[in-house]
Amino acid sequence: MVHEKPCLVDTPTTGSPRPAAAATLLALVHAQGEVERLSEREQLLSSLLVSVNAVLWAIDWETRRVLYVSPAYERVFGRPAGPLLADHREWRNSIHPEDLDYAEHSLARVLSEGAVEDREYRIITADGQIRWLSDKCYINQQAEPGEPLIVVGMAEDITEKKQLELELHRLATTDVLTQSSNRRHFFECANHAFDNACIQGTPLAFLLLDIDDFKDINDTYGHLEGDQVLRRIAESGRGVLRRGDLFGRIGGEEFAAVLPGCAPEMALQVAERLGREIQELGFSYEGQVFSVTISQGLASLTEEDATLDSLFARADAAMYEAKRLGKNRVVAG
């Protein structure tokens, strides 16, 4: 009777034979370790993706199918990821209507540029909040010929940064007391309006107004009451002027307005209405009731006006003429 020898395998470390079952067991243990390490990596990656406060995304450009969106999507957009993965148009539905064209066209630039890193647009969350995103996108450079073109991106919520920028801009361009444009910002916008009017050949009017006897108001009723007068006159100015007109405080008690597209006759009507509105404002201080008036100088753009300064100078001279003639009136220069 022949006895079969057990199947042995050689081990490279000791040179002694090892049973096949033991080798299989070791292989299984090794495989299990690899699986556990992969699981640990997946858990680590998942944890990292959850903690990143930016939306990572990937789409198949040809089919527009959303291949991946990170967990931050639900936090930033306030919407479940399922509908987006099922239909890419869910992304479009989240974008602020005023920014939709820009968001789509800027995304398409990635085809020619390979990367687009300057995209900023607004979204509307499910509960109606408006959020600002900085959304960078890139073409997958690893794609081989014939493989799908994948676009990947990262959308970061920059709402707080935008709000800070807007507040800093407001502080830099706004007169704190009256909430009107300050002198610097007003003349920046006025020069831009002047250039446009010259290029397009459209009318433009410059209106300068000064509060009559403002020093007496401060001396009689105090500076706090004088500040109230300035605030209410600014409110009247913004209320009377048309959408697209410019209005600002350019001096202590001096305001100015630029009226793009406004012919001389219409500009005079606007100025006269503003004068009436301000004269009808009622003020009271410790039982004393008083009113204020303004003197206005109006100048309309002519072919001789090479710069805004010439228009401003004519309006200024006309305003002083209104003062000389008795105040509370409009003089066109």
C-alpha atoms as a PDB file:
ATOM      1  CA  MET A   1       0.000   0.000   0.000  1.00  0.00           C
ATOM      2  CA  VAL A   2       1.333   3.323  -1.085  1.00  0.00           C
ATOM      3  CA  HIS A   3       1.039   6.210   1.339  1.00  0.00           C
ATOM      4  CA  GLU A   4       0.558   9.620  -0.299  1.00  0.00           C
ATOM      5  CA  LYS A   5       2.661  12.372   1.084  1.00  0.00           C
ATOM      6  CA  PRO A   6       0.864  15.544   2.110  1.00  0.00           C
ATOM      7  CA  CYS A   7       1.107  18.406  -0.369  1.00  0.00           C
ATOM      8  CA  LEU A   8       3.766  20.789   0.800  1.00  0.00           C
ATOM      9  CA  VAL A   9       4.728  24.263  -0.348  1.00  0.00           C
ATOM     10  CA  ASP A  10       8.055  25.897   0.076  1.00  0.00           C
ATOM     11  CA  THR A  11       8.354  29.047   2.086  1.00  0.00           C
ATOM     12  CA  PRO A  12      10.909  31.553   0.853  1.00  0.00           C
ATOM     13  CA  THR A  13      11.815  32.690   4.336  1.00  0.00           C
ATOM     14  CA  THR A  14      12.724  29.431   6.043  1.00  0.00           C
ATOM     15  CA  GLY A  15      13.147  27.009   3.219  1.00  0.00           C
ATOM     16  CA  SER A  16      10.958  24.450   5.120  1.00  0.00           C
ATOM     17  CA  PRO A  17       7.774  23.108   3.539  1.00  0.00           C
ATOM     18  CA  ARG A  18       4.355  24.578   4.482  1.00  0.00           C
ATOM     19  CA  PRO A  19       0.987  22.849   4.070  1.00  0.00           C
ATOM     20  CA  ALA A  20      -1.228  24.278   1.334  1.00  0.00           C
ATOM     21  CA  ALA A  21      -4.046  24.887   3.824  1.00  0.00           C
ATOM     22  CA  ALA A  22      -1.761  27.034   5.927  1.00  0.00           C
ATOM     23  CA  ALA A  23      -0.684  29.037   2.896  1.00  0.00           C
ATOM     24  CA  THR A  24      -4.296  29.546   1.916  1.00  0.00           C
ATOM     25  CA  LEU A  25      -5.122  30.652   5.441  1.00  0.00           C
ATOM     26  CA  LEU A  26      -2.244  33.108   5.447  1.00  0.00           C
ATOM     27  CA  ALA A  27      -3.352  34.426   2.075  1.00  0.00           C
ATOM     28  CA  LEU A  28      -6.871  34.898   3.415  1.00  0.00           C
ATOM     29  CA  VAL A  29      -5.565  36.671   6.504  1.00  0.00           C
ATOM     30  CA  HIS A  30      -3.453  38.921   4.288  1.00  0.00           C
ATOM     31  CA  ALA A  31      -6.408  39.627   2.011  1.00  0.00           C
ATOM     32  CA  GLN A  32      -8.597  40.407   5.002  1.00  0.00           C
ATOM     33  CA  GLY A  33      -5.970  42.855   6.216  1.00  0.00           C
ATOM     34  CA  GLU A  34      -5.908  44.545   2.841  1.00  0.00           C
ATOM     35  CA  VAL A  35      -9.709  44.795   2.855  1.00  0.00           C
ATOM     36  CA  GLU A  36      -9.621  46.296   6.331  1.00  0.00           C
ATOM     37  CA  ARG A  37      -6.977  48.801   5.266  1.00  0.00           C
ATOM     38  CA  LEU A  38      -9.041  49.731   2.223  1.00  0.00           C
ATOM     39  CA  SER A  39     -12.091  50.113   4.450  1.00  0.00           C
ATOM     40  CA  GLU A  40     -10.097  52.334   6.785  1.00  0.00           C
ATOM     41  CA  ARG A  41      -8.987  54.447   3.825  1.00  0.00           C
ATOM     42  CA  GLU A  42     -12.546  54.719   2.592  1.00  0.00           C
ATOM     43  CA  GLN A  43     -13.731  55.741   6.053  1.00  0.00           C
ATOM     44  CA  LEU A  44     -10.944  58.313   6.280  1.00  0.00           C
ATOM     45  CA  LEU A  45     -11.764  59.676   2.834  1.00  0.00           C
ATOM     46  CA  SER A  46     -15.447  59.791   3.715  1.00  0.00           C
ATOM     47  CA  SER A  47     -14.681  61.661   6.933  1.00  0.00           C
ATOM     48  CA  LEU A  48     -12.515  64.148   5.060  1.00  0.00           C
ATOM     49  CA  LEU A  49     -15.195  64.768   2.440  1.00  0.00           C
ATOM     50  CA  VAL A  50     -17.806  65.319   5.139  1.00  0.00           C
ATOM     51  CA  SER A  51     -15.586  67.822   6.957  1.00  0.00           C
ATOM     52  CA  VAL A  52     -14.634  69.828   3.837  1.00  0.00           C
ATOM     53  CA  ASN A  53     -16.911  72.875   3.615  1.00  0.00           C
ATOM     54  CA  ALA A  54     -16.830  72.921  -0.180  1.00  0.00           C
ATOM     55  CA  VAL A  55     -18.882  71.027  -2.728  1.00  0.00           C
ATOM     56  CA  LEU A  56     -16.742  68.672  -4.803  1.00  0.00           C
ATOM     57  CA  TRP A  57     -18.446  67.576  -8.001  1.00  0.00           C
ATOM     58  CA  ALA A  58     -17.828  65.731 -11.262  1.00  0.00           C
ATOM     59  CA  ILE A  59     -19.917  65.547 -14.431  1.00  0.00           C
ATOM     60  CA  ASP A  60     -19.731  63.707 -17.722  1.00  0.00           C
ATOM     61  CA  TRP A  61     -19.633  66.677 -20.080  1.00  0.00           C
ATOM     62  CA  GLU A  62     -21.229  64.939 -23.078  1.00  0.00           C
ATOM     63  CA  THR A  63     -24.208  63.488 -21.226  1.00  0.00           C
ATOM     64  CA  ARG A  64     -24.275  66.149 -18.458  1.00  0.00           C
ATOM     65  CA  ARG A  65     -24.711  63.307 -15.995  1.00  0.00           C
ATOM     66  CA  VAL A  66     -23.578  64.215 -12.487  1.00  0.00           C
ATOM     67  CA  LEU A  67     -21.135  61.472 -11.532  1.00  0.00           C
ATOM     68  CA  TYR A  68     -20.364  62.623  -8.032  1.00  0.00           C
ATOM     69  CA  VAL A  69     -21.251  65.330  -5.531  1.00  0.00           C
ATOM     70  CA  SER A  70     -19.742  65.534  -2.048  1.00  0.00           C
ATOM     71  CA  PRO A  71     -21.730  65.638   1.220  1.00  0.00           C
ATOM     72  CA  ALA A  72     -21.231  69.425   1.516  1.00  0.00           C
ATOM     73  CA  TYR A  73     -23.786  69.865  -1.298  1.00  0.00           C
ATOM     74  CA  GLU A  74     -26.655  69.247   1.082  1.00  0.00           C
ATOM     75  CA  ARG A  75     -25.256  71.755   3.596  1.00  0.00           C
ATOM     76  CA  VAL A  76     -24.470  74.507   1.095  1.00  0.00           C
ATOM     77  CA  PHE A  77     -27.449  74.160  -1.236  1.00  0.00           C
ATOM     78  CA  GLY A  78     -29.880  72.985   1.434  1.00  0.00           C
ATOM     79  CA  ARG A  79     -31.122  70.276  -0.933  1.00  0.00           C
ATOM     80  CA  PRO A  80     -30.731  66.485  -1.065  1.00  0.00           C
ATOM     81  CA  ALA A  81     -28.138  65.160  -3.489  1.00  0.00           C
ATOM     82  CA  GLY A  82     -30.414  62.491  -4.978  1.00  0.00           C
ATOM     83  CA  PRO A  83     -32.337  64.744  -7.401  1.00  0.00           C
ATOM     84  CA  LEU A  84     -29.077  66.302  -8.631  1.00  0.00           C
ATOM     85  CA  LEU A  85     -27.525  62.898  -9.323  1.00  0.00           C
ATOM     86  CA  ALA A  86     -30.680  61.956 -11.220  1.00  0.00           C
ATOM     87  CA  ASP A  87     -30.935  65.161 -13.254  1.00  0.00           C
ATOM     88  CA  HIS A  88     -28.179  67.772 -13.740  1.00  0.00           C
ATOM     89  CA  ARG A  89     -30.825  70.467 -14.320  1.00  0.00           C
ATOM     90  CA  GLU A  90     -31.376  70.510 -10.573  1.00  0.00           C
ATOM     91  CA  TRP A  91     -28.164  72.584 -10.422  1.00  0.00           C
ATOM     92  CA  ARG A  92     -29.623  75.164 -12.834  1.00  0.00           C
ATOM     93  CA  ASN A  93     -32.780  75.375 -10.767  1.00  0.00           C
ATOM     94  CA  SER A  94     -30.721  76.414  -7.741  1.00  0.00           C
ATOM     95  CA  ILE A  95     -28.935  79.340  -9.391  1.00  0.00           C
ATOM     96  CA  HIS A  96     -30.161  82.901  -8.911  1.00  0.00           C
ATOM     97  CA  PRO A  97     -32.045  83.877 -12.112  1.00  0.00           C
ATOM     98  CA  GLU A  98     -29.851  86.962 -12.616  1.00  0.00           C
ATOM     99  CA  ASP A  99     -26.692  84.821 -12.556  1.00  0.00           C
ATOM    100  CA  LEU A 100     -27.872  81.794 -14.557  1.00  0.00           C
ATOM    101  CA  ASP A 101     -26.533  82.849 -17.970  1.00  0.00           C
ATOM    102  CA  TYR A 102     -23.160  83.782 -16.490  1.00  0.00           C
ATOM    103  CA  ALA A 103     -22.882  80.528 -14.521  1.00  0.00           C
ATOM    104  CA  GLU A 104     -23.579  78.404 -17.597  1.00  0.00           C
ATOM    105  CA  HIS A 105     -21.377  80.334 -20.024  1.00  0.00           C
ATOM    106  CA  SER A 106     -18.466  80.553 -17.606  1.00  0.00           C
ATOM    107  CA  LEU A 107     -18.671  76.806 -17.038  1.00  0.00           C
ATOM    108  CA  ALA A 108     -18.456  76.192 -20.796  1.00  0.00           C
ATOM    109  CA  ARG A 109     -15.186  78.156 -20.918  1.00  0.00           C
ATOM    110  CA  VAL A 110     -13.491  75.135 -19.368  1.00  0.00           C
ATOM    111  CA  LEU A 111     -13.549  73.420 -22.793  1.00  0.00           C
ATOM    112  CA  SER A 112     -11.246  76.021 -24.337  1.00  0.00           C
ATOM    113  CA  GLU A 113      -9.244  77.025 -21.263  1.00  0.00           C
ATOM    114  CA  GLY A 114      -8.906  73.710 -19.450  1.00  0.00           C
ATOM    115  CA  ALA A 115      -9.594  75.404 -16.116  1.00  0.00           C
ATOM    116  CA  VAL A 116     -11.849  78.231 -14.946  1.00  0.00           C
ATOM    117  CA  GLU A 117     -11.090  79.583 -11.497  1.00  0.00           C
ATOM    118  CA  ASP A 118     -12.821  82.980 -11.416  1.00  0.00           C
ATOM    119  CA  ARG A 119     -16.491  81.981 -11.316  1.00  0.00           C
ATOM    120  CA  GLU A 120     -18.652  83.620  -8.660  1.00  0.00           C
ATOM    121  CA  TYR A 121     -22.428  83.455  -8.681  1.00  0.00           C
ATOM    122  CA  ARG A 122     -25.416  83.292  -6.368  1.00  0.00           C
ATOM    123  CA  ILE A 123     -27.652  80.363  -5.531  1.00  0.00           C
ATOM    124  CA  ILE A 124     -31.007  80.197  -3.777  1.00  0.00           C
ATOM    125  CA  THR A 125     -31.208  77.493  -1.127  1.00  0.00           C
ATOM    126  CA  ALA A 126     -34.300  75.390  -0.546  1.00  0.00           C
ATOM    127  CA  ASP A 127     -35.394  77.698   2.298  1.00  0.00           C
ATOM    128  CA  GLY A 128     -34.981  80.842   0.169  1.00  0.00           C
ATOM    129  CA  GLN A 129     -31.564  82.056   1.362  1.00  0.00           C
ATOM    130  CA  ILE A 130     -29.276  83.697  -1.184  1.00  0.00           C
ATOM    131  CA  ARG A 131     -25.715  82.368  -0.983  1.00  0.00           C
ATOM    132  CA  TRP A 132     -22.589  83.303  -2.952  1.00  0.00           C
ATOM    133  CA  LEU A 133     -20.395  80.554  -4.422  1.00  0.00           C
ATOM    134  CA  SER A 134     -16.872  80.549  -5.789  1.00  0.00           C
ATOM    135  CA  ASP A 135     -16.958  77.613  -8.194  1.00  0.00           C
ATOM    136  CA  LYS A 136     -13.711  76.422  -9.821  1.00  0.00           C
ATOM    137  CA  CYS A 137     -13.782  73.761 -12.535  1.00  0.00           C
ATOM    138  CA  TYR A 138     -11.216  71.713 -14.462  1.00  0.00           C
ATOM    139  CA  ILE A 139     -11.104  69.204 -17.308  1.00  0.00           C
ATOM    140  CA  ASN A 140      -9.880  65.738 -16.316  1.00  0.00           C
ATOM    141  CA  GLN A 141      -6.428  65.716 -17.907  1.00  0.00           C
ATOM    142  CA  GLN A 142      -6.067  61.945 -17.418  1.00  0.00           C
ATOM    143  CA  ALA A 143      -8.754  61.086 -19.951  1.00  0.00           C
ATOM    144  CA  GLU A 144      -7.584  58.905 -22.847  1.00  0.00           C
ATOM    145  CA  PRO A 145      -8.823  59.371 -26.429  1.00  0.00           C
ATOM    146  CA  GLY A 146     -12.309  57.929 -26.774  1.00  0.00           C
ATOM    147  CA  GLU A 147     -12.973  58.080 -23.036  1.00  0.00           C
ATOM    148  CA  PRO A 148     -15.689  60.364 -21.595  1.00  0.00           C
ATOM    149  CA  LEU A 149     -14.730  63.999 -21.002  1.00  0.00           C
ATOM    150  CA  ILE A 150     -15.050  64.537 -17.268  1.00  0.00           C
ATOM    151  CA  VAL A 151     -15.244  68.003 -15.721  1.00  0.00           C
ATOM    152  CA  VAL A 152     -14.528  68.233 -12.017  1.00  0.00           C
ATOM    153  CA  GLY A 153     -14.955  71.183  -9.738  1.00  0.00           C
ATOM    154  CA  MET A 154     -15.070  72.643  -6.279  1.00  0.00           C
ATOM    155  CA  ALA A 155     -17.748  75.109  -5.156  1.00  0.00           C
ATOM    156  CA  GLU A 156     -17.006  77.050  -1.979  1.00  0.00           C
ATOM    157  CA  ASP A 157     -19.536  79.096  -0.017  1.00  0.00           C
ATOM    158  CA  ILE A 158     -18.143  82.660   0.085  1.00  0.00           C
ATOM    159  CA  THR A 159     -21.282  84.409   1.349  1.00  0.00           C
ATOM    160  CA  GLU A 160     -19.635  85.912   4.422  1.00  0.00           C
ATOM    161  CA  LYS A 161     -16.688  87.146   2.346  1.00  0.00           C
ATOM    162  CA  LYS A 162     -19.060  88.727  -0.175  1.00  0.00           C
ATOM    163  CA  GLN A 163     -21.103  90.392   2.539  1.00  0.00           C
ATOM    164  CA  LEU A 164     -17.921  91.852   3.995  1.00  0.00           C
ATOM    165  CA  GLU A 165     -16.823  93.076   0.558  1.00  0.00           C
ATOM    166  CA  LEU A 166     -20.211  94.695  -0.032  1.00  0.00           C
ATOM    167  CA  GLU A 167     -20.138  96.354   3.374  1.00  0.00           C
ATOM    168  CA  LEU A 168     -16.623  97.679   2.802  1.00  0.00           C
ATOM    169  CA  HIS A 169     -17.712  98.978  -0.601  1.00  0.00           C
ATOM    170  CA  ARG A 170     -20.745 100.647   0.962  1.00  0.00           C
ATOM    171  CA  LEU A 171     -18.598 102.316   3.594  1.00  0.00           C
ATOM    172  CA  ALA A 172     -16.120 103.478   0.956  1.00  0.00           C
ATOM    173  CA  THR A 173     -18.760 104.914  -1.382  1.00  0.00           C
ATOM    174  CA  THR A 174     -21.536 106.137   0.926  1.00  0.00           C
ATOM    175  CA  ASP A 175     -21.934 109.265   2.989  1.00  0.00           C
ATOM    176  CA  VAL A 176     -22.512 107.888   6.479  1.00  0.00           C
ATOM    177  CA  LEU A 177     -24.953 110.603   7.585  1.00  0.00           C
ATOM    178  CA  THR A 178     -27.295 110.689   4.582  1.00  0.00           C
ATOM    179  CA  GLN A 179     -26.688 107.223   3.066  1.00  0.00           C
ATOM    180  CA  SER A 180     -26.189 108.924  -0.304  1.00  0.00           C
ATOM    181  CA  SER A 181     -23.129 108.538  -2.507  1.00  0.00           C
ATOM    182  CA  ASN A 182     -20.131 110.372  -1.102  1.00  0.00           C
ATOM    183  CA  ARG A 183     -18.280 112.958  -3.188  1.00  0.00           C
ATOM    184  CA  ARG A 184     -15.628 110.585  -4.564  1.00  0.00           C
ATOM    185  CA  HIS A 185     -18.073 107.867  -5.580  1.00  0.00           C
ATOM    186  CA  PHE A 186     -20.568 110.342  -7.001  1.00  0.00           C
ATOM    187  CA  PHE A 187     -18.012 111.919  -9.337  1.00  0.00           C
ATOM    188  CA  GLU A 188     -16.666 108.505 -10.383  1.00  0.00           C
ATOM    189  CA  CYS A 189     -20.174 107.482 -11.468  1.00  0.00           C
ATOM    190  CA  ALA A 190     -20.895 110.935 -12.926  1.00  0.00           C
ATOM    191  CA  ASN A 191     -17.788 110.817 -15.121  1.00  0.00           C
ATOM    192  CA  HIS A 192     -18.815 107.374 -16.362  1.00  0.00           C
ATOM    193  CA  ALA A 193     -22.308 108.679 -17.194  1.00  0.00           C
ATOM    194  CA  PHE A 194     -20.762 111.701 -18.955  1.00  0.00           C
ATOM    195  CA  ASP A 195     -18.532 109.477 -21.110  1.00  0.00           C
ATOM    196  CA  ASN A 196     -21.475 107.266 -22.070  1.00  0.00           C
ATOM    197  CA  ALA A 197     -23.614 110.263 -23.007  1.00  0.00           C
ATOM    198  CA  CYS A 198     -20.839 111.665 -25.222  1.00  0.00           C
ATOM    199  CA  ILE A 199     -20.289 108.316 -26.956  1.00  0.00           C
ATOM    200  CA  GLN A 200     -23.994 107.611 -27.473  1.00  0.00           C
ATOM    201  CA  GLY A 201     -24.996 111.194 -28.217  1.00  0.00           C
ATOM    202  CA  THR A 202     -27.707 111.191 -25.548  1.00  0.00           C
ATOM    203  CA  PRO A 203     -28.813 114.044 -23.240  1.00  0.00           C
ATOM    204  CA  LEU A 204     -27.343 114.515 -19.787  1.00  0.00           C
ATOM    205  CA  ALA A 205     -28.118 117.040 -17.058  1.00  0.00           C
ATOM    206  CA  PHE A 206     -26.107 118.063 -13.991  1.00  0.00           C
ATOM    207  CA  LEU A 207     -28.043 119.452 -11.029  1.00  0.00           C
ATOM    208  CA  LEU A 208     -26.375 121.144  -8.076  1.00  0.00           C
ATOM    209  CA  LEU A 209     -28.366 122.084  -4.973  1.00  0.00           C
ATOM    210  CA  ASP A 210     -27.472 123.881  -1.769  1.00  0.00           C
ATOM    211  CA  ILE A 211     -29.573 124.281   1.385  1.00  0.00           C
ATOM    212  CA  ASP A 212     -30.473 127.923   1.957  1.00  0.00           C
ATOM    213  CA  ASP A 213     -29.270 129.459   5.237  1.00  0.00           C
ATOM    214  CA  PHE A 214     -28.092 126.125   6.607  1.00  0.00           C
ATOM    215  CA  LYS A 215     -25.725 127.817   9.047  1.00  0.00           C
ATOM    216  CA  ASP A 216     -28.686 129.593  10.638  1.00  0.00           C
ATOM    217  CA  ILE A 217     -30.438 126.226  11.053  1.00  0.00           C
ATOM    218  CA  ASN A 218     -27.435 124.811  12.893  1.00  0.00           C
ATOM    219  CA  ASP A 219     -27.025 127.948  15.012  1.00  0.00           C
ATOM    220  CA  THR A 220     -30.734 128.153  15.920  1.00  0.00           C
ATOM    221  CA  TYR A 221     -31.737 124.518  16.354  1.00  0.00           C
ATOM    222  CA  GLY A 222     -28.411 122.746  16.881  1.00  0.00           C
ATOM    223  CA  HIS A 223     -26.277 120.434  14.806  1.00  0.00           C
ATOM    224  CA  LEU A 224     -28.376 117.355  15.577  1.00  0.00           C
ATOM    225  CA  GLU A 225     -31.380 119.036  14.005  1.00  0.00           C
ATOM    226  CA  GLY A 226     -29.168 120.144  11.137  1.00  0.00           C
ATOM    227  CA  ASP A 227     -28.185 116.508  10.587  1.00  0.00           C
ATOM    228  CA  GLN A 228     -31.864 115.591  10.481  1.00  0.00           C
ATOM    229  CA  VAL A 229     -32.427 118.211   7.784  1.00  0.00           C
ATOM    230  CA  LEU A 230     -29.592 116.732   5.706  1.00  0.00           C
ATOM    231  CA  ARG A 231     -30.959 113.222   6.057  1.00  0.00           C
ATOM    232  CA  ARG A 232     -34.490 114.158   5.015  1.00  0.00           C
ATOM    233  CA  ILE A 233     -33.336 116.219   2.053  1.00  0.00           C
ATOM    234  CA  ALA A 234     -31.285 113.238   0.886  1.00  0.00           C
ATOM    235  CA  GLU A 235     -34.379 111.029   1.207  1.00  0.00           C
ATOM    236  CA  SER A 236     -36.392 113.517  -0.867  1.00  0.00           C
ATOM    237  CA  GLY A 237     -33.675 113.618  -3.501  1.00  0.00           C
ATOM    238  CA  ARG A 238     -33.584 109.837  -3.857  1.00  0.00           C
ATOM    239  CA  GLY A 239     -37.386 109.732  -3.917  1.00  0.00           C
ATOM    240  CA  VAL A 240     -37.859 112.345  -6.638  1.00  0.00           C
ATOM    241  CA  LEU A 241     -35.105 111.244  -9.001  1.00  0.00           C
ATOM    242  CA  ARG A 242     -35.693 108.539 -11.568  1.00  0.00           C
ATOM    243  CA  ARG A 243     -34.219 105.075 -11.564  1.00  0.00           C
ATOM    244  CA  GLY A 244     -30.733 105.319 -13.046  1.00  0.00           C
ATOM    245  CA  ASP A 245     -30.177 108.908 -11.906  1.00  0.00           C
ATOM    246  CA  LEU A 246     -27.204 109.606  -9.659  1.00  0.00           C
ATOM    247  CA  PHE A 247     -27.476 111.461  -6.362  1.00  0.00           C
ATOM    248  CA  GLY A 248     -24.853 112.301  -3.777  1.00  0.00           C
ATOM    249  CA  ARG A 249     -23.718 114.604  -1.019  1.00  0.00           C
ATOM    250  CA  ILE A 250     -20.641 116.436  -2.279  1.00  0.00           C
ATOM    251  CA  GLY A 251     -20.191 119.011   0.508  1.00  0.00           C
ATOM    252  CA  GLY A 252     -21.466 120.053   3.923  1.00  0.00           C
ATOM    253  CA  GLU A 253     -24.941 121.163   2.808  1.00  0.00           C
ATOM    254  CA  GLU A 254     -24.431 120.650  -0.911  1.00  0.00           C
ATOM    255  CA  PHE A 255     -25.886 117.819  -2.980  1.00  0.00           C
ATOM    256  CA  ALA A 256     -25.645 116.981  -6.669  1.00  0.00           C
ATOM    257  CA  ALA A 257     -27.494 114.848  -9.178  1.00  0.00           C
ATOM    258  CA  VAL A 258     -26.712 113.616 -12.671  1.00  0.00           C
ATOM    259  CA  LEU A 259     -29.677 112.759 -14.896  1.00  0.00           C
ATOM    260  CA  PRO A 260     -28.665 110.518 -17.830  1.00  0.00           C
ATOM    261  CA  GLY A 261     -30.926 110.670 -20.873  1.00  0.00           C
ATOM    262  CA  CYS A 262     -32.763 113.680 -19.480  1.00  0.00           C
ATOM    263  CA  ALA A 263     -33.440 116.546 -21.896  1.00  0.00           C
ATOM    264  CA  PRO A 264     -33.180 120.144 -20.548  1.00  0.00           C
ATOM    265  CA  GLU A 265     -36.949 120.668 -20.264  1.00  0.00           C
ATOM    266  CA  MET A 266     -37.456 117.438 -18.343  1.00  0.00           C
ATOM    267  CA  ALA A 267     -34.447 118.146 -16.119  1.00  0.00           C
ATOM    268  CA  LEU A 268     -35.938 121.525 -15.196  1.00  0.00           C
ATOM    269  CA  GLN A 269     -39.206 119.822 -14.244  1.00  0.00           C
ATOM    270  CA  VAL A 270     -37.327 117.349 -12.035  1.00  0.00           C
ATOM    271  CA  ALA A 271     -35.443 120.174 -10.299  1.00  0.00           C
ATOM    272  CA  GLU A 272     -38.608 122.207  -9.702  1.00  0.00           C
ATOM    273  CA  ARG A 273     -40.409 119.199  -8.292  1.00  0.00           C
ATOM    274  CA  LEU A 274     -37.477 118.489  -5.969  1.00  0.00           C
ATOM    275  CA  GLY A 275     -37.536 122.089  -4.744  1.00  0.00           C
ATOM    276  CA  ARG A 276     -41.267 121.836  -3.946  1.00  0.00           C
ATOM    277  CA  GLU A 277     -40.873 118.493  -2.183  1.00  0.00           C
ATOM    278  CA  ILE A 278     -38.147 119.853   0.074  1.00  0.00           C
ATOM    279  CA  GLN A 279     -40.000 123.071   0.845  1.00  0.00           C
ATOM    280  CA  GLU A 280     -43.013 121.025   1.952  1.00  0.00           C
ATOM    281  CA  LEU A 281     -40.951 119.059   4.473  1.00  0.00           C
ATOM    282  CA  GLY A 282     -41.945 119.991   8.019  1.00  0.00           C
ATOM    283  CA  PHE A 283     -39.413 120.234  10.859  1.00  0.00           C
ATOM    284  CA  SER A 284     -39.982 120.952  14.510  1.00  0.00           C
ATOM    285  CA  TYR A 285     -37.654 121.675  17.400  1.00  0.00           C
ATOM    286  CA  GLU A 286     -38.892 122.205  20.969  1.00  0.00           C
ATOM    287  CA  GLY A 287     -42.269 123.341  19.723  1.00  0.00           C
ATOM    288  CA  GLN A 288     -40.887 125.519  16.948  1.00  0.00           C
ATOM    289  CA  VAL A 289     -41.900 124.544  13.424  1.00  0.00           C
ATOM    290  CA  PHE A 290     -39.689 125.481  10.509  1.00  0.00           C
ATOM    291  CA  SER A 291     -39.112 124.590   6.873  1.00  0.00           C
ATOM    292  CA  VAL A 292     -36.124 124.700   4.531  1.00  0.00           C
ATOM    293  CA  THR A 293     -35.558 125.688   0.928  1.00  0.00           C
ATOM    294  CA  ILE A 294     -32.831 124.973  -1.609  1.00  0.00           C
ATOM    295  CA  SER A 295     -31.153 126.886  -4.400  1.00  0.00           C
ATOM    296  CA  GLN A 296     -30.389 124.872  -7.511  1.00  0.00           C
ATOM    297  CA  GLY A 297     -28.144 125.248 -10.527  1.00  0.00           C
ATOM    298  CA  LEU A 298     -28.895 123.197 -13.622  1.00  0.00           C
ATOM    299  CA  ALA A 299     -26.647 122.558 -16.616  1.00  0.00           C
ATOM    300  CA  SER A 300     -27.326 120.364 -19.629  1.00  0.00           C
ATOM    301  CA  LEU A 301     -24.690 118.722 -21.809  1.00  0.00           C
ATOM    302  CA  THR A 302     -23.661 120.591 -24.949  1.00  0.00           C
ATOM    303  CA  GLU A 303     -21.110 119.908 -27.685  1.00  0.00           C
ATOM    304  CA  GLU A 304     -18.759 122.404 -26.035  1.00  0.00           C
ATOM    305  CA  ASP A 305     -18.553 120.333 -22.830  1.00  0.00           C
ATOM    306  CA  ALA A 306     -15.314 118.362 -23.223  1.00  0.00           C
ATOM    307  CA  THR A 307     -15.314 117.082 -19.641  1.00  0.00           C
ATOM    308  CA  LEU A 308     -17.708 116.733 -16.749  1.00  0.00           C
ATOM    309  CA  ASP A 309     -15.864 119.580 -15.031  1.00  0.00           C
ATOM    310  CA  SER A 310     -17.222 122.129 -17.502  1.00  0.00           C
ATOM    311  CA  LEU A 311     -20.768 120.899 -16.890  1.00  0.00           C
ATOM    312  CA  PHE A 312     -20.195 121.020 -13.139  1.00  0.00           C
ATOM    313  CA  ALA A 313     -18.755 124.546 -13.363  1.00  0.00           C
ATOM    314  CA  ARG A 314     -21.818 125.847 -15.225  1.00  0.00           C
ATOM    315  CA  ALA A 315     -24.167 124.213 -12.717  1.00  0.00           C
ATOM    316  CA  ASP A 316     -22.142 125.727  -9.858  1.00  0.00           C
ATOM    317  CA  ALA A 317     -22.293 129.227 -11.378  1.00  0.00           C
ATOM    318  CA  ALA A 318     -26.047 128.827 -11.947  1.00  0.00           C
ATOM    319  CA  MET A 319     -26.565 127.759  -8.333  1.00  0.00           C
ATOM    320  CA  TYR A 320     -24.788 130.870  -7.041  1.00  0.00           C
ATOM    321  CA  GLU A 321     -26.929 132.936  -9.390  1.00  0.00           C
ATOM    322  CA  ALA A 322     -30.009 131.359  -7.789  1.00  0.00           C
ATOM    323  CA  LYS A 323     -28.661 132.440  -4.385  1.00  0.00           C
ATOM    324  CA  ARG A 324     -28.104 135.977  -5.662  1.00  0.00           C
ATOM    325  CA  LEU A 325     -31.591 136.195  -7.078  1.00  0.00           C
ATOM    326  CA  GLY A 326     -33.205 135.437  -3.717  1.00  0.00           C
ATOM    327  CA  LYS A 327     -32.735 131.689  -3.127  1.00  0.00           C
ATOM    328  CA  ASN A 328     -35.432 128.964  -3.287  1.00  0.00           C
ATOM    329  CA  ARG A 329     -35.292 128.654  -7.060  1.00  0.00           C
ATOM    330  CA  VAL A 330     -33.722 126.863 -10.025  1.00  0.00           C
ATOM    331  CA  VAL A 331     -31.434 128.640 -12.465  1.00  0.00           C
ATOM    332  CA  ALA A 332     -30.315 126.927 -15.670  1.00  0.00           C
ATOM    333  CA  GLY A 333     -26.824 127.748 -16.833  1.00  0.00           C
END
